[in-house]
Every structure is written in C-alpha cells, then in structure tokens.
Amino acid sequence: MTEIEIYGQWHTPLPGGTAAHLAVAAQGEQYAVLYNDTGDWDALAFAYDEEAARRAAGLIGHIIAMPEHARIGGDGVLSGAGTEHPGVEWVTPDEVLEDPNAAVRIAGHSMRRLHVVPSVDGDVLGLLDPDTEPNDLAEFVSVAAADAFIAVIDALIRNPAYSVDAGDQS
C-alpha cells in the first residue's frame, strides 16, 4: 500500500457538538480533500494534481487562521445558482493589516480567496482559487460533500484555536 502524505489537517467542533476533521492528502497519484465526523474518512473532493492539492491545503490553512475575512454566499454550494456569484466564497487579506476600515483590512492590498461553486448545469461542483491560473483545485463528489466542506470551513473560521493574533504575524 502506498504511503499517505498529509498536506494539511484540521479538526473542530460543529454546531451540535459533533467533532469534524478535514484533511488534504495524497496517496500515490490520487489527491483528495477528506472529511471525518463519524469515525470514517470520506473523500469530499478530488484535487486535479499535487500542485492543486497543496494550494488547497495552503489556502484552507491561511483562511482559517486570519482574524478577519469576508464570506460571500448562502448556506450551501447551490446558493445563488444562476447568478454571477454562485456558491460560497471566503476572502481574506494576504497579511494582517492595521487599519480602522474593515474593508481595507480584508481587501485593501492583496487577498486570498477560496470559492466552492456549482457549474452551470449543477453536475460539477468545484473548489476554486480565483486568484491563480489555473484556478481549478478540486471537484466535489456531490452536493452533500460540498456542503459538508462549507460547514467545516465555517466552523474552522469560528474556532479561535486556528486564528493568528495580529501581533504574531511577521
């Protein structure tokens, strides 16, 4: 059996007290976003290649650590379907900024973004890094998988264990 390489791993309580675990990992030439809330790991999405998996892990780690962010979208991946901005997107600054204006603190200089989006036909559910080319990182296996990813990212953002303090940034 090929060794599993973990690019990023996080855990947090979900509303209702369930413990959720999220990981981005590789086994051989397969790259996946994995989820566990019942004791068994399930693949939520499959990354396109090693670079995409590493970028996804880096973005997740960065976004959940930033003390401020903007979240665009509704509760799930199908939120806003058929609009110019479907799905759910998280936006954070590239670094912690000291400014009285929240918009400047979040988007004043450079940003990092992570977007869970449905395709026009709803059959493909993607994880995107809108600021890079190519921007496709992974494809979710189902609407339920994309919604589980959204729920755990939202919970991780709320978890103070992952937040950096503005004084700790270098």
N, C-alpha and C. Protein backbone atom coordinates (compact mmCIF):
# COMPACT_ATOMS: atom_id res chain seq x y z
N MET A 1 0.84 -1.19 0.00
CA MET A 1 0.00 0.00 0.00
C MET A 1 0.88 1.24 0.00
N THR A 2 0.53 2.22 -0.81
CA THR A 2 1.27 3.46 -0.91
C THR A 2 1.03 4.31 0.33
N GLU A 3 2.09 4.95 0.79
CA GLU A 3 2.01 5.82 1.97
C GLU A 3 1.12 7.03 1.70
N ILE A 4 0.40 7.46 2.72
CA ILE A 4 -0.46 8.65 2.62
C ILE A 4 0.34 9.85 3.10
N GLU A 5 0.35 10.89 2.29
CA GLU A 5 1.02 12.14 2.65
C GLU A 5 -0.06 13.18 2.96
N ILE A 6 0.03 13.79 4.13
CA ILE A 6 -0.95 14.79 4.56
C ILE A 6 -0.39 16.18 4.27
N TYR A 7 -1.11 16.97 3.49
CA TYR A 7 -0.71 18.34 3.19
C TYR A 7 -1.28 19.32 4.21
N GLY A 8 -2.38 18.98 4.82
CA GLY A 8 -2.99 19.82 5.85
C GLY A 8 -4.07 19.03 6.55
N GLN A 9 -4.19 19.24 7.87
CA GLN A 9 -5.22 18.53 8.64
C GLN A 9 -5.72 19.44 9.75
N TRP A 10 -7.05 19.49 9.92
CA TRP A 10 -7.67 20.36 10.90
C TRP A 10 -8.84 19.64 11.55
N HIS A 11 -9.18 20.03 12.77
CA HIS A 11 -10.36 19.48 13.43
C HIS A 11 -11.04 20.59 14.23
N THR A 12 -12.36 20.45 14.36
CA THR A 12 -13.13 21.47 15.06
C THR A 12 -14.50 20.91 15.42
N PRO A 13 -15.10 21.42 16.48
CA PRO A 13 -16.49 21.03 16.75
C PRO A 13 -17.43 21.74 15.78
N LEU A 14 -18.46 21.03 15.37
CA LEU A 14 -19.52 21.61 14.55
C LEU A 14 -20.68 22.00 15.47
N PRO A 15 -21.59 22.85 15.01
CA PRO A 15 -22.79 23.12 15.82
C PRO A 15 -23.46 21.79 16.16
N GLY A 16 -23.86 21.64 17.40
CA GLY A 16 -24.46 20.40 17.84
C GLY A 16 -23.47 19.48 18.53
N GLY A 17 -22.18 19.86 18.54
CA GLY A 17 -21.19 19.11 19.28
C GLY A 17 -20.46 18.02 18.53
N THR A 18 -20.79 17.76 17.28
CA THR A 18 -20.07 16.75 16.50
C THR A 18 -18.66 17.25 16.21
N ALA A 19 -17.69 16.37 16.35
CA ALA A 19 -16.30 16.72 16.01
C ALA A 19 -16.08 16.42 14.53
N ALA A 20 -15.57 17.39 13.81
CA ALA A 20 -15.30 17.23 12.38
C ALA A 20 -13.80 17.33 12.13
N HIS A 21 -13.33 16.50 11.23
CA HIS A 21 -11.92 16.50 10.83
C HIS A 21 -11.87 16.71 9.31
N LEU A 22 -10.96 17.54 8.88
CA LEU A 22 -10.77 17.82 7.46
C LEU A 22 -9.29 17.64 7.15
N ALA A 23 -8.99 17.04 6.02
CA ALA A 23 -7.59 16.86 5.62
C ALA A 23 -7.49 16.96 4.11
N VAL A 24 -6.32 17.41 3.65
CA VAL A 24 -5.97 17.34 2.24
C VAL A 24 -4.78 16.40 2.18
N ALA A 25 -4.92 15.33 1.40
CA ALA A 25 -3.92 14.28 1.43
C ALA A 25 -3.69 13.69 0.04
N ALA A 26 -2.59 12.96 -0.06
CA ALA A 26 -2.25 12.26 -1.29
C ALA A 26 -1.90 10.82 -0.97
N GLN A 27 -2.29 9.94 -1.87
CA GLN A 27 -1.86 8.56 -1.81
C GLN A 27 -1.53 8.17 -3.24
N GLY A 28 -0.24 7.97 -3.48
CA GLY A 28 0.19 7.73 -4.85
C GLY A 28 -0.10 8.95 -5.69
N GLU A 29 -0.84 8.75 -6.78
CA GLU A 29 -1.19 9.85 -7.68
C GLU A 29 -2.62 10.34 -7.48
N GLN A 30 -3.24 9.98 -6.33
CA GLN A 30 -4.58 10.47 -6.02
C GLN A 30 -4.47 11.53 -4.93
N TYR A 31 -5.20 12.62 -5.12
CA TYR A 31 -5.16 13.76 -4.20
C TYR A 31 -6.60 14.07 -3.81
N ALA A 32 -6.84 14.15 -2.50
CA ALA A 32 -8.23 14.28 -2.06
C ALA A 32 -8.36 15.23 -0.88
N VAL A 33 -9.56 15.82 -0.78
CA VAL A 33 -9.99 16.54 0.41
C VAL A 33 -10.86 15.53 1.17
N LEU A 34 -10.43 15.19 2.38
CA LEU A 34 -11.07 14.14 3.17
C LEU A 34 -11.80 14.73 4.37
N TYR A 35 -12.85 14.04 4.81
CA TYR A 35 -13.70 14.51 5.89
C TYR A 35 -14.07 13.34 6.79
N ASN A 36 -14.12 13.62 8.09
CA ASN A 36 -14.48 12.59 9.06
C ASN A 36 -15.28 13.25 10.17
N ASP A 37 -16.50 12.79 10.38
CA ASP A 37 -17.27 13.25 11.54
C ASP A 37 -17.94 12.08 12.25
N THR A 38 -17.71 10.88 11.75
CA THR A 38 -18.34 9.70 12.34
C THR A 38 -17.34 8.58 12.64
N GLY A 39 -16.07 8.83 12.46
CA GLY A 39 -15.06 7.81 12.67
C GLY A 39 -14.49 7.24 11.38
N ASP A 40 -15.15 7.47 10.26
CA ASP A 40 -14.67 7.00 8.97
C ASP A 40 -14.34 8.19 8.07
N TRP A 41 -13.23 8.11 7.37
CA TRP A 41 -12.84 9.17 6.45
C TRP A 41 -13.53 8.96 5.11
N ASP A 42 -14.07 10.05 4.55
CA ASP A 42 -14.71 10.03 3.24
C ASP A 42 -14.08 11.11 2.38
N ALA A 43 -13.98 10.83 1.09
CA ALA A 43 -13.49 11.84 0.16
C ALA A 43 -14.62 12.80 -0.18
N LEU A 44 -14.38 14.09 0.09
CA LEU A 44 -15.34 15.12 -0.30
C LEU A 44 -15.09 15.58 -1.72
N ALA A 45 -13.79 15.65 -2.07
CA ALA A 45 -13.40 16.17 -3.38
C ALA A 45 -12.08 15.53 -3.78
N PHE A 46 -11.84 15.51 -5.07
CA PHE A 46 -10.56 15.03 -5.60
C PHE A 46 -9.86 16.18 -6.29
N ALA A 47 -8.64 16.45 -5.84
CA ALA A 47 -7.84 17.51 -6.44
C ALA A 47 -7.30 17.03 -7.78
N TYR A 48 -7.04 17.98 -8.66
CA TYR A 48 -6.61 17.65 -10.02
C TYR A 48 -5.18 17.14 -10.09
N ASP A 49 -4.33 17.63 -9.22
CA ASP A 49 -2.94 17.18 -9.21
C ASP A 49 -2.30 17.60 -7.88
N GLU A 50 -1.02 17.29 -7.72
CA GLU A 50 -0.34 17.59 -6.47
C GLU A 50 -0.31 19.09 -6.20
N GLU A 51 -0.02 19.89 -7.22
CA GLU A 51 0.03 21.34 -7.02
C GLU A 51 -1.33 21.87 -6.54
N ALA A 52 -2.40 21.40 -7.14
CA ALA A 52 -3.74 21.85 -6.73
C ALA A 52 -4.04 21.43 -5.29
N ALA A 53 -3.66 20.23 -4.91
CA ALA A 53 -3.89 19.76 -3.54
C ALA A 53 -3.09 20.60 -2.54
N ARG A 54 -1.85 20.88 -2.85
CA ARG A 54 -1.03 21.70 -1.95
C ARG A 54 -1.57 23.13 -1.86
N ARG A 55 -2.02 23.69 -2.99
CA ARG A 55 -2.61 25.04 -2.96
C ARG A 55 -3.87 25.06 -2.14
N ALA A 56 -4.72 24.02 -2.28
CA ALA A 56 -5.96 23.95 -1.49
C ALA A 56 -5.63 23.91 0.00
N ALA A 57 -4.68 23.06 0.39
CA ALA A 57 -4.30 22.96 1.80
C ALA A 57 -3.75 24.29 2.31
N GLY A 58 -2.92 24.95 1.51
CA GLY A 58 -2.37 26.24 1.91
C GLY A 58 -3.44 27.30 2.07
N LEU A 59 -4.40 27.34 1.15
CA LEU A 59 -5.49 28.31 1.24
C LEU A 59 -6.38 28.05 2.45
N ILE A 60 -6.71 26.80 2.69
CA ILE A 60 -7.54 26.48 3.86
C ILE A 60 -6.81 26.93 5.12
N GLY A 61 -5.55 26.55 5.26
CA GLY A 61 -4.78 26.94 6.44
C GLY A 61 -4.70 28.44 6.63
N HIS A 62 -4.51 29.16 5.53
CA HIS A 62 -4.41 30.62 5.61
C HIS A 62 -5.75 31.25 5.98
N ILE A 63 -6.80 30.83 5.30
CA ILE A 63 -8.11 31.45 5.51
C ILE A 63 -8.61 31.23 6.93
N ILE A 64 -8.45 30.04 7.47
CA ILE A 64 -8.97 29.80 8.82
C ILE A 64 -8.12 30.48 9.89
N ALA A 65 -6.89 30.85 9.54
CA ALA A 65 -6.01 31.50 10.52
C ALA A 65 -6.18 33.01 10.58
N MET A 66 -6.69 33.61 9.53
CA MET A 66 -6.79 35.07 9.51
C MET A 66 -7.89 35.56 10.45
N PRO A 67 -7.60 36.60 11.22
CA PRO A 67 -8.59 37.09 12.18
C PRO A 67 -9.79 37.76 11.51
N GLU A 68 -9.65 38.19 10.27
CA GLU A 68 -10.76 38.82 9.57
C GLU A 68 -10.90 38.19 8.19
N HIS A 69 -12.15 38.09 7.76
CA HIS A 69 -12.43 37.56 6.43
C HIS A 69 -13.80 38.06 5.99
N ALA A 70 -14.06 37.89 4.72
CA ALA A 70 -15.40 38.14 4.18
C ALA A 70 -15.90 36.80 3.65
N ARG A 71 -17.18 36.55 3.86
CA ARG A 71 -17.80 35.34 3.34
C ARG A 71 -18.93 35.78 2.43
N ILE A 72 -18.93 35.27 1.21
CA ILE A 72 -19.93 35.63 0.22
C ILE A 72 -20.73 34.37 -0.11
N GLY A 73 -22.05 34.46 -0.04
CA GLY A 73 -22.88 33.33 -0.41
C GLY A 73 -23.80 32.91 0.71
N GLY A 74 -24.62 31.93 0.42
CA GLY A 74 -25.60 31.43 1.37
C GLY A 74 -25.09 30.24 2.15
N ASP A 75 -25.99 29.34 2.47
CA ASP A 75 -25.65 28.20 3.30
C ASP A 75 -24.92 27.08 2.55
N GLY A 76 -25.17 26.92 1.27
CA GLY A 76 -24.62 25.78 0.54
C GLY A 76 -24.10 26.11 -0.83
N VAL A 77 -23.56 25.07 -1.48
CA VAL A 77 -22.94 25.23 -2.78
C VAL A 77 -23.94 25.70 -3.84
N LEU A 78 -25.19 25.35 -3.70
CA LEU A 78 -26.19 25.76 -4.70
C LEU A 78 -26.76 27.15 -4.43
N SER A 79 -26.30 27.81 -3.38
CA SER A 79 -26.74 29.18 -3.09
C SER A 79 -26.36 30.08 -4.25
N GLY A 80 -27.29 30.87 -4.68
CA GLY A 80 -27.03 31.81 -5.76
C GLY A 80 -26.84 31.16 -7.12
N ALA A 81 -27.26 29.91 -7.28
CA ALA A 81 -27.14 29.24 -8.57
C ALA A 81 -27.80 30.10 -9.65
N GLY A 82 -27.14 30.24 -10.75
CA GLY A 82 -27.67 31.03 -11.85
C GLY A 82 -27.36 32.51 -11.75
N THR A 83 -26.66 32.93 -10.69
CA THR A 83 -26.27 34.33 -10.56
C THR A 83 -24.81 34.49 -10.98
N GLU A 84 -24.33 35.72 -10.93
CA GLU A 84 -22.93 35.98 -11.29
C GLU A 84 -21.95 35.46 -10.24
N HIS A 85 -22.42 35.20 -9.03
CA HIS A 85 -21.53 34.72 -7.97
C HIS A 85 -22.20 33.57 -7.20
N PRO A 86 -22.30 32.39 -7.82
CA PRO A 86 -22.94 31.26 -7.14
C PRO A 86 -22.02 30.64 -6.10
N GLY A 87 -22.61 29.82 -5.23
CA GLY A 87 -21.82 29.08 -4.26
C GLY A 87 -21.42 29.92 -3.06
N VAL A 88 -20.30 29.55 -2.46
CA VAL A 88 -19.80 30.21 -1.26
C VAL A 88 -18.32 30.53 -1.47
N GLU A 89 -17.93 31.75 -1.11
CA GLU A 89 -16.53 32.16 -1.24
C GLU A 89 -16.07 32.83 0.06
N TRP A 90 -14.83 32.53 0.44
CA TRP A 90 -14.20 33.18 1.59
C TRP A 90 -13.05 34.02 1.04
N VAL A 91 -12.93 35.25 1.57
CA VAL A 91 -11.90 36.18 1.15
C VAL A 91 -11.18 36.66 2.40
N THR A 92 -9.85 36.59 2.38
CA THR A 92 -9.05 37.09 3.50
C THR A 92 -7.91 37.93 2.95
N PRO A 93 -7.38 38.80 3.78
CA PRO A 93 -6.18 39.52 3.35
C PRO A 93 -5.00 38.55 3.29
N ASP A 94 -4.01 38.93 2.52
CA ASP A 94 -2.79 38.13 2.44
C ASP A 94 -2.01 38.20 3.75
N GLU A 95 -2.16 39.32 4.43
CA GLU A 95 -1.49 39.50 5.72
C GLU A 95 -2.37 40.36 6.63
N VAL A 96 -2.11 40.31 7.92
CA VAL A 96 -2.87 41.10 8.88
C VAL A 96 -2.50 42.57 8.69
N LEU A 97 -3.53 43.41 8.53
CA LEU A 97 -3.32 44.84 8.33
C LEU A 97 -3.93 45.62 9.49
N GLU A 98 -3.27 46.68 9.88
CA GLU A 98 -3.79 47.58 10.91
C GLU A 98 -4.42 48.77 10.19
N ASP A 99 -5.74 48.83 10.20
CA ASP A 99 -6.46 49.94 9.57
C ASP A 99 -7.83 50.01 10.22
N PRO A 100 -8.35 51.21 10.50
CA PRO A 100 -9.67 51.31 11.12
C PRO A 100 -10.80 50.85 10.20
N ASN A 101 -10.58 50.83 8.90
CA ASN A 101 -11.61 50.47 7.93
C ASN A 101 -11.56 48.96 7.68
N ALA A 102 -12.65 48.24 8.00
CA ALA A 102 -12.70 46.79 7.82
C ALA A 102 -12.48 46.38 6.37
N ALA A 103 -13.01 47.14 5.42
CA ALA A 103 -12.83 46.80 4.01
C ALA A 103 -11.36 46.84 3.62
N VAL A 104 -10.62 47.79 4.15
CA VAL A 104 -9.18 47.88 3.87
C VAL A 104 -8.46 46.72 4.53
N ARG A 105 -8.86 46.37 5.76
CA ARG A 105 -8.21 45.26 6.47
C ARG A 105 -8.41 43.94 5.73
N ILE A 106 -9.57 43.75 5.13
CA ILE A 106 -9.86 42.48 4.46
C ILE A 106 -9.37 42.48 3.01
N ALA A 107 -9.58 43.55 2.28
CA ALA A 107 -9.29 43.53 0.84
C ALA A 107 -8.44 44.71 0.39
N GLY A 108 -7.75 45.37 1.31
CA GLY A 108 -7.05 46.59 0.97
C GLY A 108 -5.83 46.41 0.09
N HIS A 109 -5.12 45.34 0.23
CA HIS A 109 -3.90 45.15 -0.57
C HIS A 109 -4.07 43.87 -1.39
N SER A 110 -3.43 42.82 -1.00
CA SER A 110 -3.63 41.57 -1.72
C SER A 110 -4.49 40.64 -0.89
N MET A 111 -5.22 39.77 -1.59
CA MET A 111 -6.18 38.88 -0.94
C MET A 111 -5.89 37.44 -1.33
N ARG A 112 -6.46 36.54 -0.53
CA ARG A 112 -6.53 35.13 -0.88
C ARG A 112 -7.99 34.73 -0.84
N ARG A 113 -8.39 33.93 -1.82
CA ARG A 113 -9.80 33.57 -1.95
C ARG A 113 -9.94 32.06 -2.18
N LEU A 114 -11.02 31.52 -1.65
CA LEU A 114 -11.36 30.11 -1.84
C LEU A 114 -12.85 30.07 -2.14
N HIS A 115 -13.23 29.43 -3.25
CA HIS A 115 -14.60 29.50 -3.74
C HIS A 115 -15.12 28.09 -4.03
N VAL A 116 -16.24 27.74 -3.42
CA VAL A 116 -16.95 26.48 -3.71
C VAL A 116 -18.09 26.87 -4.63
N VAL A 117 -18.10 26.29 -5.83
CA VAL A 117 -19.00 26.78 -6.86
C VAL A 117 -19.63 25.62 -7.65
N PRO A 118 -20.94 25.75 -8.01
CA PRO A 118 -21.54 24.76 -8.90
C PRO A 118 -21.33 25.17 -10.36
N SER A 119 -21.32 24.19 -11.24
CA SER A 119 -21.27 24.51 -12.66
C SER A 119 -22.64 25.00 -13.10
N VAL A 120 -22.72 25.46 -14.32
CA VAL A 120 -23.98 25.96 -14.86
C VAL A 120 -25.05 24.87 -14.83
N ASP A 121 -24.66 23.63 -15.17
CA ASP A 121 -25.65 22.54 -15.19
C ASP A 121 -25.82 21.89 -13.82
N GLY A 122 -25.01 22.28 -12.82
CA GLY A 122 -25.14 21.73 -11.48
C GLY A 122 -24.51 20.37 -11.30
N ASP A 123 -23.94 19.80 -12.37
CA ASP A 123 -23.35 18.46 -12.28
C ASP A 123 -21.93 18.47 -11.73
N VAL A 124 -21.21 19.56 -11.92
CA VAL A 124 -19.83 19.65 -11.43
C VAL A 124 -19.80 20.69 -10.32
N LEU A 125 -19.20 20.32 -9.21
CA LEU A 125 -19.08 21.21 -8.07
C LEU A 125 -17.61 21.41 -7.82
N GLY A 126 -17.13 22.62 -8.01
CA GLY A 126 -15.70 22.85 -7.97
C GLY A 126 -15.22 23.60 -6.75
N LEU A 127 -13.96 23.38 -6.41
CA LEU A 127 -13.23 24.16 -5.43
C LEU A 127 -12.22 24.97 -6.22
N LEU A 128 -12.34 26.30 -6.13
CA LEU A 128 -11.54 27.18 -6.97
C LEU A 128 -10.66 28.10 -6.14
N ASP A 129 -9.52 28.45 -6.71
CA ASP A 129 -8.65 29.51 -6.23
C ASP A 129 -8.71 30.58 -7.30
N PRO A 130 -9.66 31.54 -7.16
CA PRO A 130 -9.90 32.50 -8.24
C PRO A 130 -8.70 33.38 -8.60
N ASP A 131 -7.68 33.44 -7.75
CA ASP A 131 -6.56 34.34 -7.99
C ASP A 131 -5.38 33.68 -8.69
N THR A 132 -5.50 32.43 -9.10
CA THR A 132 -4.39 31.76 -9.79
C THR A 132 -4.88 31.19 -11.12
N GLU A 133 -3.94 30.82 -11.92
CA GLU A 133 -4.26 30.17 -13.19
C GLU A 133 -3.42 28.91 -13.29
N PRO A 134 -4.00 27.73 -13.41
CA PRO A 134 -5.43 27.51 -13.47
C PRO A 134 -6.05 27.69 -12.10
N ASN A 135 -7.33 28.07 -12.08
CA ASN A 135 -7.97 28.32 -10.80
C ASN A 135 -8.69 27.11 -10.23
N ASP A 136 -8.83 26.05 -11.01
CA ASP A 136 -9.49 24.84 -10.53
C ASP A 136 -8.57 24.06 -9.61
N LEU A 137 -9.05 23.75 -8.40
CA LEU A 137 -8.27 22.97 -7.45
C LEU A 137 -8.79 21.55 -7.34
N ALA A 138 -10.10 21.40 -7.21
CA ALA A 138 -10.68 20.08 -6.98
C ALA A 138 -12.12 20.05 -7.44
N GLU A 139 -12.64 18.83 -7.54
CA GLU A 139 -14.04 18.64 -7.89
C GLU A 139 -14.71 17.82 -6.78
N PHE A 140 -15.80 18.35 -6.23
CA PHE A 140 -16.52 17.67 -5.17
C PHE A 140 -17.29 16.49 -5.73
N VAL A 141 -17.49 15.47 -4.89
CA VAL A 141 -18.17 14.26 -5.34
C VAL A 141 -19.69 14.40 -5.34
N SER A 142 -20.23 15.37 -4.58
CA SER A 142 -21.68 15.55 -4.51
C SER A 142 -21.99 16.90 -3.88
N VAL A 143 -23.25 17.28 -3.97
CA VAL A 143 -23.71 18.50 -3.30
C VAL A 143 -23.52 18.35 -1.80
N ALA A 144 -23.85 17.19 -1.24
CA ALA A 144 -23.69 16.96 0.20
C ALA A 144 -22.22 17.10 0.61
N ALA A 145 -21.30 16.63 -0.22
CA ALA A 145 -19.87 16.75 0.08
C ALA A 145 -19.43 18.21 0.07
N ALA A 146 -19.87 18.97 -0.93
CA ALA A 146 -19.52 20.39 -1.00
C ALA A 146 -20.11 21.14 0.20
N ASP A 147 -21.34 20.81 0.57
CA ASP A 147 -21.97 21.47 1.72
C ASP A 147 -21.28 21.10 3.03
N ALA A 148 -20.80 19.87 3.15
CA ALA A 148 -20.05 19.47 4.35
C ALA A 148 -18.75 20.25 4.43
N PHE A 149 -18.08 20.45 3.29
CA PHE A 149 -16.85 21.24 3.25
C PHE A 149 -17.14 22.68 3.70
N ILE A 150 -18.20 23.26 3.19
CA ILE A 150 -18.58 24.63 3.56
C ILE A 150 -18.82 24.72 5.06
N ALA A 151 -19.56 23.76 5.62
CA ALA A 151 -19.87 23.78 7.05
C ALA A 151 -18.61 23.68 7.90
N VAL A 152 -17.68 22.83 7.50
CA VAL A 152 -16.47 22.67 8.33
C VAL A 152 -15.54 23.87 8.17
N ILE A 153 -15.45 24.47 7.00
CA ILE A 153 -14.63 25.69 6.85
C ILE A 153 -15.23 26.81 7.70
N ASP A 154 -16.55 26.98 7.67
CA ASP A 154 -17.19 27.99 8.51
C ASP A 154 -16.89 27.73 9.99
N ALA A 155 -16.95 26.47 10.42
CA ALA A 155 -16.66 26.13 11.82
C ALA A 155 -15.20 26.37 12.16
N LEU A 156 -14.30 26.04 11.25
CA LEU A 156 -12.87 26.27 11.48
C LEU A 156 -12.57 27.76 11.61
N ILE A 157 -13.22 28.58 10.80
CA ILE A 157 -13.02 30.03 10.87
C ILE A 157 -13.46 30.55 12.24
N ARG A 158 -14.55 30.01 12.77
CA ARG A 158 -15.05 30.44 14.08
C ARG A 158 -14.21 29.88 15.24
N ASN A 159 -13.39 28.89 14.99
CA ASN A 159 -12.61 28.23 16.05
C ASN A 159 -11.38 29.08 16.37
N PRO A 160 -11.32 29.69 17.56
CA PRO A 160 -10.18 30.55 17.90
C PRO A 160 -8.85 29.81 18.00
N ALA A 161 -8.87 28.52 18.06
CA ALA A 161 -7.61 27.75 18.14
C ALA A 161 -6.78 27.93 16.87
N TYR A 162 -7.40 28.27 15.75
CA TYR A 162 -6.67 28.42 14.49
C TYR A 162 -6.35 29.85 14.13
N SER A 163 -6.92 30.82 14.83
CA SER A 163 -6.74 32.22 14.49
C SER A 163 -5.38 32.74 14.95
N VAL A 164 -4.73 33.46 14.06
CA VAL A 164 -3.47 34.10 14.44
C VAL A 164 -3.78 35.43 15.10
N ASP A 165 -2.91 35.84 15.97
CA ASP A 165 -3.03 37.15 16.61
C ASP A 165 -2.28 38.14 15.76
N ALA A 166 -2.82 39.34 15.59
CA ALA A 166 -2.18 40.35 14.74
C ALA A 166 -0.73 40.60 15.15
N GLY A 167 -0.40 40.50 16.41
CA GLY A 167 0.97 40.70 16.87
C GLY A 167 1.89 39.56 16.54
N ASP A 168 1.36 38.40 16.17
CA ASP A 168 2.19 37.24 15.87
C ASP A 168 2.59 37.17 14.39
N GLN A 169 2.02 37.98 13.54
CA GLN A 169 2.35 37.96 12.11
C GLN A 169 3.72 38.61 11.89
N SER A 170 4.48 37.99 11.03
CA SER A 170 5.78 38.60 10.69
C SER A 170 5.81 39.06 9.26
